[in-house]
Amino acid sequence: MKKNLFINGEWVHAERYSPLLSPYSGEVIAEVPAATLTEVEMALTAAYEARKTMAVMPSYQRARILENLAALLEQRSDEAAEIIALEAAKPLSTAKGEVDRTIQTYKFSAEEAKRIHGETIPVDAAPGGEGRVAYTVREPIGVIAAITPFNFPMNLVAHKVGPALASGNSVVLKPAAQTPLSSLFLAELLQEAGLPAGAFNVVTGSGKLIGEKLVTDERIQKISFTGSPSVGIGIRNKAGLKKVTLELGSNAAVIIDKGVDIDKIISRCVSGAFAFQGQVCISVQRVYVHEELYETFVEKFVAATQKLKLGDPLDPMTDVSALISSRDIERSLEWIEEAKQKGAIVATGGKSEGNILHPTVLLEVEPSQKVSCQEVFAPIVLINKFSTVDQAIELVNDSRYGLQAGIYTENIHTALMASQKLHVGGVMVNDIPTFRLDHMPYGGVKESGIGREGVKYAIEEMTEQKLVIFNQN
């Protein structure tokens, strides 16, 4: 199956193609374009021209296109889920959940397209403002470069494309090298939904080659990137005056306070740790449990983990499948071994079969170990004990990252204190840090990035405010 680039509303044959392999089986599943700088230039030119059309398009028309897109995706949801499962090795049940969320994200985008507005300014509040009327409007910024990761190849794309089109911008999308099929599928749907030619373009291939061009080209007005901190920091340093939204790494933690009913939260915590093999930015990587509950929590967590079914992502019964690459298997095993050498206990897992890493639970892990202080992005979770919630909060905050954190507690004072002291972008009380809805503000502090996603909040960052004043004197 050979795929082509999508540029200016047309499917364009590329100069070069490369095989796309299944992370699970290693078999070739498609031939994918490796875009050249010439082809990226074609996409940029198309998007730059289309920005004019998008800027003057009435909001109800933008909303209608996005509504059409959501309806088309709903009609072909099973096909979309199979694409995700095939290219990303995401278990089919989880992939279906992602498609459902993607539909919702485009629906939110359609709704928000009709709610973009400014405000009136009481200029007569200052001397010299008498006899004047002032108001603001929000205008699209132009061309947006969207650079997306492999782990949510449809919904994280939607969080960039949906708000961009809703606010009247055009887009050049560079999807992750392992998951381009989802983005090319989106291009097909947007074409059918009635989007003008050039408003959405997909270029696949080398992240370094394409990314460098997008980041430095003066026609790009904003970069929306989800990926590693090292790449994100590099983008920030090269972007100049472009607007930048960066959603980067995390090693998300949850605190389990004394008095919590463990039986009610075990399945939730296990799901948060191992859904999509832990390859989720807000996956539960660190669990801190009060010493009174520690032994019981560990016993029940390990027992639930050992019931997870490993296997083919296309099998509806599979809970955990292959990591995205064999390199990630090697890295994960090295990190587990490093922790063991420093005294960590492997309660379950710690081994691999092919590209599947068995869900791994580590105990008594030192904070300096990579499985604790770096982003593991694998089905690995550590469980450590604490004596006081203040101590647990210090452990959570002792991190380069600060995306989201969770705390389970029956004490409202503890919950309020933790929500104030946890240095993260979002605090989930009586839930895991993995909780996310597609209309809520989402983003982090420290090396977890800058800016916020969530449709309304992304639109704010994809538009510019203009002030207009009428002098009636």
Protein backbone atom coordinates (compact mmCIF):
# COMPACT_ATOMS: atom_id res chain seq x y z
CA MET A 1 0.00 0.00 0.00
CA LYS A 2 1.70 3.18 -1.20
CA LYS A 3 0.67 6.52 0.30
CA ASN A 4 1.26 10.02 -1.08
CA LEU A 5 1.77 13.48 0.34
CA PHE A 6 -1.29 15.71 0.71
CA ILE A 7 -0.50 19.21 -0.57
CA ASN A 8 -2.86 21.97 -1.76
CA GLY A 9 -5.87 19.66 -1.78
CA GLU A 10 -4.18 17.01 -3.94
CA TRP A 11 -2.38 13.71 -3.44
CA VAL A 12 1.19 14.31 -4.58
CA HIS A 13 3.64 11.58 -5.59
CA ALA A 14 6.86 11.97 -3.63
CA GLU A 15 10.41 11.67 -4.90
CA ARG A 16 11.23 9.11 -2.22
CA TYR A 17 9.35 6.51 -0.17
CA SER A 18 10.28 4.38 2.82
CA PRO A 19 8.70 1.27 4.35
CA LEU A 20 6.52 1.63 7.44
CA LEU A 21 6.81 -1.37 9.76
CA SER A 22 4.32 -2.67 12.28
CA PRO A 23 5.73 -2.23 15.83
CA TYR A 24 4.07 -5.53 16.78
CA SER A 25 4.88 -7.88 13.89
CA GLY A 26 7.71 -6.06 12.14
CA GLU A 27 5.93 -6.51 8.82
CA VAL A 28 5.72 -3.75 6.20
CA ILE A 29 2.28 -2.15 6.41
CA ALA A 30 2.74 0.72 3.94
CA GLU A 31 5.14 2.66 1.73
CA VAL A 32 5.23 6.22 3.07
CA PRO A 33 6.60 9.40 1.43
CA ALA A 34 9.89 10.79 2.71
CA ALA A 35 9.29 14.43 1.81
CA THR A 36 12.12 16.52 0.38
CA LEU A 37 12.67 20.21 1.07
CA THR A 38 11.13 20.94 -2.33
CA GLU A 39 7.94 19.14 -1.32
CA VAL A 40 7.84 20.87 2.07
CA GLU A 41 8.20 24.17 0.21
CA MET A 42 5.17 23.23 -1.90
CA ALA A 43 3.14 22.63 1.26
CA LEU A 44 4.25 25.91 2.81
CA THR A 45 3.37 27.85 -0.33
CA ALA A 46 -0.06 26.25 -0.47
CA ALA A 47 -0.76 26.97 3.21
CA TYR A 48 0.48 30.54 2.91
CA GLU A 49 -1.87 31.23 0.02
CA ALA A 50 -4.80 29.46 1.66
CA ARG A 51 -4.46 31.56 4.81
CA LYS A 52 -6.23 34.39 2.98
CA THR A 53 -9.23 32.20 2.17
CA MET A 54 -9.43 30.87 5.72
CA ALA A 55 -9.13 34.32 7.30
CA VAL A 56 -12.23 35.66 5.54
CA MET A 57 -14.30 32.48 5.80
CA PRO A 58 -17.35 33.07 8.05
CA SER A 59 -17.22 31.24 11.34
CA TYR A 60 -20.36 29.25 10.59
CA GLN A 61 -18.67 27.81 7.49
CA ARG A 62 -15.58 26.83 9.46
CA ALA A 63 -17.85 25.23 12.03
CA ARG A 64 -19.75 23.36 9.32
CA ILE A 65 -16.56 21.89 7.86
CA LEU A 66 -15.51 20.66 11.29
CA GLU A 67 -18.99 19.26 11.94
CA ASN A 68 -18.78 17.42 8.61
CA LEU A 69 -15.37 16.07 9.60
CA ALA A 70 -16.68 14.77 12.94
CA ALA A 71 -19.61 13.09 11.18
CA LEU A 72 -17.36 11.44 8.59
CA LEU A 73 -14.98 10.20 11.27
CA GLU A 74 -17.91 8.78 13.20
CA GLN A 75 -19.07 6.90 10.11
CA ARG A 76 -15.60 5.42 9.62
CA SER A 77 -14.63 5.03 13.26
CA ASP A 78 -13.86 1.30 13.06
CA GLU A 79 -11.51 1.89 10.13
CA ALA A 80 -9.83 4.74 12.01
CA ALA A 81 -9.29 2.57 15.10
CA GLU A 82 -7.74 -0.21 13.01
CA ILE A 83 -5.32 2.29 11.45
CA ILE A 84 -4.18 3.41 14.92
CA ALA A 85 -3.84 -0.19 16.14
CA LEU A 86 -1.86 -1.16 13.05
CA GLU A 87 0.63 1.70 12.92
CA ALA A 88 1.04 2.40 16.66
CA ALA A 89 0.36 -1.08 18.16
CA LYS A 90 -2.29 0.55 20.35
CA PRO A 91 -4.70 -2.14 21.59
CA LEU A 92 -7.89 -1.97 19.57
CA SER A 93 -10.15 -1.16 22.51
CA THR A 94 -7.88 1.74 23.46
CA ALA A 95 -7.68 2.88 19.83
CA LYS A 96 -11.48 2.98 19.66
CA GLY A 97 -11.47 5.18 22.73
CA GLU A 98 -9.04 7.53 21.02
CA VAL A 99 -11.25 7.77 17.95
CA ASP A 100 -14.25 8.61 20.14
CA ARG A 101 -12.24 11.39 21.80
CA THR A 102 -11.04 12.66 18.41
CA ILE A 103 -14.63 13.00 17.23
CA GLN A 104 -15.39 14.95 20.40
CA THR A 105 -12.38 17.22 19.87
CA TYR A 106 -13.55 18.17 16.38
CA LYS A 107 -17.06 18.76 17.69
CA PHE A 108 -15.67 21.07 20.38
CA SER A 109 -13.67 22.82 17.67
CA ALA A 110 -16.80 23.35 15.59
CA GLU A 111 -18.59 24.83 18.58
CA GLU A 112 -15.70 27.11 19.54
CA ALA A 113 -15.43 28.40 15.96
CA LYS A 114 -18.67 30.27 16.62
CA ARG A 115 -17.54 31.66 19.98
CA ILE A 116 -14.39 33.59 19.08
CA HIS A 117 -14.91 37.19 20.20
CA GLY A 118 -13.29 40.21 21.79
CA GLU A 119 -14.55 42.69 24.34
CA THR A 120 -15.43 46.36 24.75
CA ILE A 121 -12.94 48.56 26.60
CA PRO A 122 -14.19 51.42 28.84
CA VAL A 123 -11.62 53.93 27.58
CA ASP A 124 -13.33 56.79 29.40
CA ALA A 125 -12.08 55.26 32.63
CA ALA A 126 -8.92 57.30 32.02
CA PRO A 127 -8.69 61.06 31.40
CA GLY A 128 -8.53 61.70 27.67
CA GLY A 129 -10.72 58.72 26.83
CA GLU A 130 -13.94 60.66 26.70
CA GLY A 131 -15.98 60.41 23.51
CA ARG A 132 -14.29 57.25 22.33
CA VAL A 133 -15.56 53.72 21.76
CA ALA A 134 -13.05 50.86 21.95
CA TYR A 135 -13.28 47.15 21.35
CA THR A 136 -11.03 44.18 20.58
CA VAL A 137 -11.32 41.45 17.96
CA ARG A 138 -9.43 38.19 17.62
CA GLU A 139 -7.91 37.40 14.22
CA PRO A 140 -6.19 34.26 12.89
CA ILE A 141 -2.41 34.44 12.90
CA GLY A 142 -1.87 32.73 9.52
CA VAL A 143 0.00 29.46 8.96
CA ILE A 144 0.43 27.00 11.81
CA ALA A 145 2.98 24.19 11.83
CA ALA A 146 1.71 21.17 13.76
CA ILE A 147 4.33 18.61 14.77
CA THR A 148 2.79 15.59 16.46
CA PRO A 149 3.90 12.40 18.28
CA PHE A 150 3.06 8.74 17.76
CA ASN A 151 1.16 8.00 20.95
CA PHE A 152 -2.18 9.67 20.08
CA PRO A 153 -1.87 9.89 16.28
CA MET A 154 -5.46 11.07 15.79
CA ASN A 155 -6.47 12.96 18.91
CA LEU A 156 -3.27 14.93 19.47
CA VAL A 157 -3.41 15.89 15.79
CA ALA A 158 -7.02 16.97 16.37
CA HIS A 159 -5.93 19.19 19.26
CA LYS A 160 -3.79 21.17 16.84
CA VAL A 161 -5.74 20.95 13.58
CA GLY A 162 -9.21 21.47 15.07
CA PRO A 163 -8.49 24.78 16.86
CA ALA A 164 -6.33 26.00 13.95
CA LEU A 165 -9.10 25.56 11.38
CA ALA A 166 -11.78 26.77 13.79
CA SER A 167 -9.92 30.07 14.21
CA GLY A 168 -9.36 30.58 10.47
CA ASN A 169 -5.75 29.48 10.08
CA SER A 170 -4.14 27.12 7.59
CA VAL A 171 -1.98 24.17 8.63
CA VAL A 172 1.11 22.22 7.63
CA LEU A 173 1.11 18.96 9.59
CA LYS A 174 4.21 16.86 10.22
CA PRO A 175 3.08 13.63 11.93
CA ALA A 176 5.39 11.23 13.74
CA ALA A 177 7.38 8.98 11.42
CA GLN A 178 5.78 5.85 12.86
CA THR A 179 2.18 7.05 12.63
CA PRO A 180 1.60 8.92 9.36
CA LEU A 181 -1.37 6.84 8.21
CA SER A 182 -3.74 8.49 10.69
CA SER A 183 -2.85 11.94 9.39
CA LEU A 184 -3.23 10.93 5.74
CA PHE A 185 -6.61 9.44 6.64
CA LEU A 186 -7.55 12.80 8.19
CA ALA A 187 -6.55 14.57 4.97
CA GLU A 188 -8.94 12.35 3.04
CA LEU A 189 -11.78 13.18 5.43
CA LEU A 190 -11.10 16.93 5.44
CA GLN A 191 -11.11 16.96 1.64
CA GLU A 192 -14.52 15.30 1.70
CA ALA A 193 -15.71 17.65 4.47
CA GLY A 194 -15.26 20.65 2.17
CA LEU A 195 -12.06 22.29 3.42
CA PRO A 196 -10.54 24.66 0.81
CA ALA A 197 -7.41 23.44 -0.99
CA GLY A 198 -4.20 24.38 0.78
CA ALA A 199 -5.77 24.94 4.20
CA PHE A 200 -4.49 21.56 5.38
CA ASN A 201 -1.30 19.87 4.15
CA VAL A 202 0.48 16.72 5.33
CA VAL A 203 4.22 16.15 4.86
CA THR A 204 5.73 12.92 6.13
CA GLY A 205 9.34 11.90 6.53
CA SER A 206 12.43 13.06 8.42
CA GLY A 207 11.58 14.99 11.56
CA LYS A 208 14.90 16.78 11.48
CA LEU A 209 14.66 17.84 7.83
CA ILE A 210 11.00 18.86 7.85
CA GLY A 211 11.00 20.23 11.38
CA GLU A 212 13.99 22.50 10.73
CA LYS A 213 12.26 23.98 7.70
CA LEU A 214 8.97 24.55 9.49
CA VAL A 215 10.57 26.07 12.56
CA THR A 216 12.73 28.54 10.66
CA ASP A 217 10.48 29.50 7.72
CA GLU A 218 9.17 33.06 8.08
CA ARG A 219 5.75 32.13 6.66
CA ILE A 220 5.00 30.01 9.72
CA GLN A 221 3.44 32.15 12.46
CA LYS A 222 3.03 29.50 15.14
CA ILE A 223 4.46 26.10 16.01
CA SER A 224 2.41 23.64 18.03
CA PHE A 225 4.65 20.75 19.08
CA THR A 226 4.13 17.67 21.22
CA GLY A 227 7.20 15.55 21.87
CA SER A 228 10.42 15.30 23.83
CA PRO A 229 11.83 18.15 25.94
CA SER A 230 15.15 18.16 24.08
CA VAL A 231 13.44 18.68 20.71
CA GLY A 232 10.98 21.17 22.17
CA ILE A 233 13.73 23.29 23.70
CA GLY A 234 15.53 23.24 20.35
CA ILE A 235 12.37 24.45 18.61
CA ARG A 236 11.96 27.27 21.15
CA ASN A 237 15.53 28.39 20.61
CA LYS A 238 15.15 28.53 16.82
CA ALA A 239 11.61 29.87 16.53
CA GLY A 240 12.45 33.54 16.92
CA LEU A 241 9.27 35.62 17.27
CA LYS A 242 6.93 32.81 16.26
CA LYS A 243 4.31 31.78 18.77
CA VAL A 244 5.15 28.41 20.27
CA THR A 245 3.11 25.86 22.22
CA LEU A 246 5.17 22.98 23.60
CA GLU A 247 3.67 19.92 25.28
CA LEU A 248 6.71 17.98 26.43
CA GLY A 249 7.65 15.30 28.93
CA SER A 250 6.34 14.09 32.26
CA ASN A 251 6.85 11.48 34.95
CA ALA A 252 3.39 11.87 36.44
CA ALA A 253 2.74 10.85 40.02
CA VAL A 254 -0.24 10.00 42.20
CA ILE A 255 -0.38 10.19 46.01
CA ILE A 256 -2.48 7.69 48.01
CA ASP A 257 -3.26 9.13 51.43
CA LYS A 258 -4.22 7.07 54.49
CA GLY A 259 -7.91 6.31 54.87
CA VAL A 260 -8.50 5.76 51.14
CA ASP A 261 -10.54 2.72 50.07
CA ILE A 262 -7.91 0.91 48.00
CA ASP A 263 -10.35 -1.48 46.36
CA LYS A 264 -12.10 1.45 44.68
CA ILE A 265 -8.95 2.82 43.04
CA ILE A 266 -6.75 -0.17 42.12
CA SER A 267 -8.18 -0.76 38.64
CA ARG A 268 -8.03 2.97 37.91
CA CYS A 269 -4.37 3.19 38.94
CA VAL A 270 -3.42 0.07 36.97
CA SER A 271 -5.15 1.44 33.89
CA GLY A 272 -3.38 4.77 34.32
CA ALA A 273 -0.02 3.03 34.50
CA PHE A 274 -0.34 0.54 31.65
CA ALA A 275 -2.87 1.85 29.11
CA PHE A 276 -1.19 1.91 25.69
CA GLN A 277 1.91 0.37 27.24
CA GLY A 278 2.49 3.47 29.39
CA GLN A 279 3.21 5.56 26.28
CA VAL A 280 1.05 8.44 27.47
CA CYS A 281 2.40 11.84 28.60
CA ILE A 282 0.35 11.68 31.80
CA SER A 283 0.70 7.94 32.37
CA VAL A 284 1.02 6.99 36.05
CA GLN A 285 4.77 6.48 36.44
CA ARG A 286 5.21 7.15 40.17
CA VAL A 287 2.87 6.06 42.97
CA TYR A 288 3.44 7.28 46.52
CA VAL A 289 1.40 5.37 49.12
CA HIS A 290 0.98 6.15 52.80
CA GLU A 291 2.91 3.65 54.90
CA GLU A 292 -0.30 2.41 56.59
CA LEU A 293 -1.68 1.25 53.22
CA TYR A 294 1.53 0.43 51.38
CA GLU A 295 1.69 -3.37 51.71
CA THR A 296 -1.98 -3.85 50.89
CA PHE A 297 -1.85 -1.48 47.93
CA VAL A 298 1.23 -3.19 46.45
CA GLU A 299 -0.32 -6.65 46.83
CA LYS A 300 -3.55 -5.67 45.09
CA PHE A 301 -1.85 -3.57 42.41
CA VAL A 302 0.51 -6.41 41.46
CA ALA A 303 -2.34 -8.94 41.39
CA ALA A 304 -4.37 -6.70 39.05
CA THR A 305 -1.32 -6.07 36.84
CA GLN A 306 -0.71 -9.78 36.39
CA LYS A 307 -4.24 -10.21 34.99
CA LEU A 308 -3.56 -7.94 32.01
CA LYS A 309 -3.62 -9.71 28.64
CA LEU A 310 -0.60 -9.24 26.37
CA GLY A 311 -0.68 -9.71 22.61
CA ASP A 312 -1.75 -8.53 19.16
CA PRO A 313 -3.11 -4.97 19.18
CA LEU A 314 -5.83 -6.02 16.71
CA ASP A 315 -7.17 -8.58 19.22
CA PRO A 316 -10.07 -6.89 21.06
CA MET A 317 -9.07 -8.69 24.28
CA THR A 318 -5.50 -7.34 24.36
CA ASP A 319 -4.63 -4.90 27.17
CA VAL A 320 -0.91 -4.43 26.48
CA SER A 321 0.91 -4.79 23.17
CA ALA A 322 4.25 -3.80 21.63
CA LEU A 323 6.25 -0.70 22.42
CA ILE A 324 6.71 1.64 19.48
CA SER A 325 10.23 0.35 18.70
CA SER A 326 12.79 -2.26 19.72
CA ARG A 327 15.04 0.60 20.92
CA ASP A 328 12.45 1.43 23.55
CA ILE A 329 12.47 -2.18 24.74
CA GLU A 330 16.24 -2.06 25.13
CA ARG A 331 16.15 1.29 26.92
CA SER A 332 13.38 0.18 29.29
CA LEU A 333 15.21 -3.02 30.26
CA GLU A 334 18.39 -1.02 30.86
CA TRP A 335 16.53 1.38 33.14
CA ILE A 336 14.95 -1.51 35.07
CA GLU A 337 18.35 -3.14 35.49
CA GLU A 338 19.88 0.14 36.67
CA ALA A 339 17.17 0.47 39.34
CA LYS A 340 17.71 -3.14 40.45
CA GLN A 341 21.43 -2.50 40.84
CA LYS A 342 20.56 0.33 43.24
CA GLY A 343 18.28 -1.86 45.35
CA ALA A 344 14.90 -1.66 43.62
CA ILE A 345 12.66 -4.73 43.83
CA VAL A 346 10.86 -6.06 40.75
CA ALA A 347 7.42 -7.05 42.08
CA THR A 348 6.27 -8.23 38.65
CA GLY A 349 7.39 -7.94 35.03
CA GLY A 350 10.88 -6.79 34.17
CA LYS A 351 11.13 -8.92 31.04
CA SER A 352 10.13 -8.74 27.39
CA GLU A 353 8.79 -10.96 24.62
CA GLY A 354 9.57 -9.58 21.19
CA ASN A 355 8.59 -5.93 21.28
CA ILE A 356 6.25 -6.43 24.24
CA LEU A 357 7.55 -5.38 27.64
CA HIS A 358 5.69 -7.11 30.43
CA PRO A 359 3.95 -4.59 32.71
CA THR A 360 6.53 -3.90 35.39
CA VAL A 361 6.08 -2.83 39.01
CA LEU A 362 9.15 -1.63 40.90
CA LEU A 363 9.39 -1.07 44.65
CA GLU A 364 11.83 0.91 46.80
CA VAL A 365 13.21 2.90 43.88
CA GLU A 366 15.68 5.68 44.63
CA PRO A 367 14.53 9.09 43.30
CA SER A 368 17.77 9.47 41.32
CA GLN A 369 17.09 6.44 39.12
CA LYS A 370 16.00 6.99 35.51
CA VAL A 371 12.73 5.07 36.03
CA SER A 372 11.83 7.73 38.60
CA CYS A 373 13.32 11.03 37.47
CA GLN A 374 13.05 10.69 33.68
CA GLU A 375 10.06 9.96 31.46
CA VAL A 376 9.92 6.20 31.07
CA PHE A 377 7.21 6.05 28.34
CA ALA A 378 6.82 2.31 28.85
CA PRO A 379 4.69 -0.02 31.02
CA ILE A 380 6.80 0.61 34.12
CA VAL A 381 5.53 2.02 37.40
CA LEU A 382 7.25 2.49 40.76
CA ILE A 383 5.48 2.33 44.12
CA ASN A 384 7.17 3.92 47.14
CA LYS A 385 5.88 4.67 50.63
CA PHE A 386 5.67 7.93 52.58
CA SER A 387 4.90 9.00 56.16
CA THR A 388 3.29 12.41 55.63
CA VAL A 389 1.53 14.05 52.69
CA ASP A 390 4.02 16.91 52.84
CA GLN A 391 6.78 14.38 52.26
CA ALA A 392 4.86 12.89 49.31
CA ILE A 393 4.35 16.33 47.76
CA GLU A 394 8.09 16.99 48.01
CA LEU A 395 8.73 13.70 46.18
CA VAL A 396 6.26 14.60 43.43
CA ASN A 397 7.75 18.08 43.02
CA ASP A 398 11.31 16.75 42.95
CA SER A 399 11.15 16.47 39.16
CA ARG A 400 12.19 18.31 36.02
CA TYR A 401 8.59 17.94 34.92
CA GLY A 402 5.22 19.25 36.04
CA LEU A 403 2.37 18.26 33.74
CA GLN A 404 -0.32 16.74 35.98
CA ALA A 405 -0.47 15.01 39.35
CA GLY A 406 -3.15 13.16 41.28
CA ILE A 407 -3.98 12.70 44.95
CA TYR A 408 -6.46 10.36 46.59
CA THR A 409 -7.54 11.58 50.02
CA GLU A 410 -10.63 11.67 52.23
CA ASN A 411 -9.47 14.92 53.90
CA ILE A 412 -10.64 18.15 52.22
CA HIS A 413 -7.91 20.15 53.98
CA THR A 414 -5.26 17.78 52.63
CA ALA A 415 -6.76 18.05 49.14
CA LEU A 416 -6.74 21.84 49.20
CA MET A 417 -3.21 21.96 50.58
CA ALA A 418 -1.95 19.53 47.93
CA SER A 419 -3.66 21.41 45.11
CA GLN A 420 -1.81 24.52 46.23
CA LYS A 421 1.62 22.98 46.82
CA LEU A 422 1.90 20.59 43.87
CA HIS A 423 3.92 22.37 41.18
CA VAL A 424 2.16 21.06 38.08
CA GLY A 425 -0.18 22.30 35.36
CA GLY A 426 -3.14 20.28 36.64
CA VAL A 427 -4.05 18.62 39.96
CA MET A 428 -6.57 15.76 39.93
CA VAL A 429 -8.15 15.26 43.36
CA ASN A 430 -9.36 11.72 43.96
CA ASP A 431 -8.21 10.67 40.52
CA ILE A 432 -5.06 9.70 38.65
CA PRO A 433 -2.97 12.28 36.73
CA THR A 434 -3.93 10.52 33.49
CA PHE A 435 -7.39 12.12 33.50
CA ARG A 436 -8.01 14.45 30.55
CA LEU A 437 -11.05 15.80 28.77
CA ASP A 438 -10.61 17.45 25.42
CA HIS A 439 -12.09 20.84 26.29
CA MET A 440 -10.17 21.41 29.52
CA PRO A 441 -6.96 23.48 29.66
CA TYR A 442 -4.02 21.09 29.37
CA GLY A 443 -0.34 21.84 29.71
CA GLY A 444 2.49 21.89 32.18
CA VAL A 445 5.23 23.80 33.97
CA LYS A 446 9.00 23.36 34.12
CA GLU A 447 10.23 21.01 31.37
CA SER A 448 6.69 19.81 30.67
CA GLY A 449 6.32 22.74 28.31
CA ILE A 450 4.68 26.11 27.72
CA GLY A 451 1.22 27.13 26.58
CA ARG A 452 -2.08 25.28 26.91
CA GLU A 453 -4.07 22.94 24.73
CA GLY A 454 -7.78 22.20 25.06
CA VAL A 455 -9.77 23.62 22.17
CA LYS A 456 -10.78 27.02 23.57
CA TYR A 457 -7.35 27.62 25.07
CA ALA A 458 -5.52 26.57 21.92
CA ILE A 459 -7.65 28.99 19.88
CA GLU A 460 -6.57 31.84 22.15
CA GLU A 461 -2.96 31.03 21.30
CA MET A 462 -3.73 30.65 17.58
CA THR A 463 -5.28 34.11 17.26
CA GLU A 464 -4.06 37.66 17.80
CA GLN A 465 -5.88 40.43 19.59
CA LYS A 466 -6.50 43.67 17.72
CA LEU A 467 -7.67 46.86 19.39
CA VAL A 468 -10.03 49.25 17.52
CA ILE A 469 -10.87 52.75 18.83
CA PHE A 470 -13.39 55.18 17.35
CA ASN A 471 -12.94 58.85 18.22
CA GLN A 472 -16.40 60.43 18.29
CA ASN A 473 -15.21 63.91 19.32
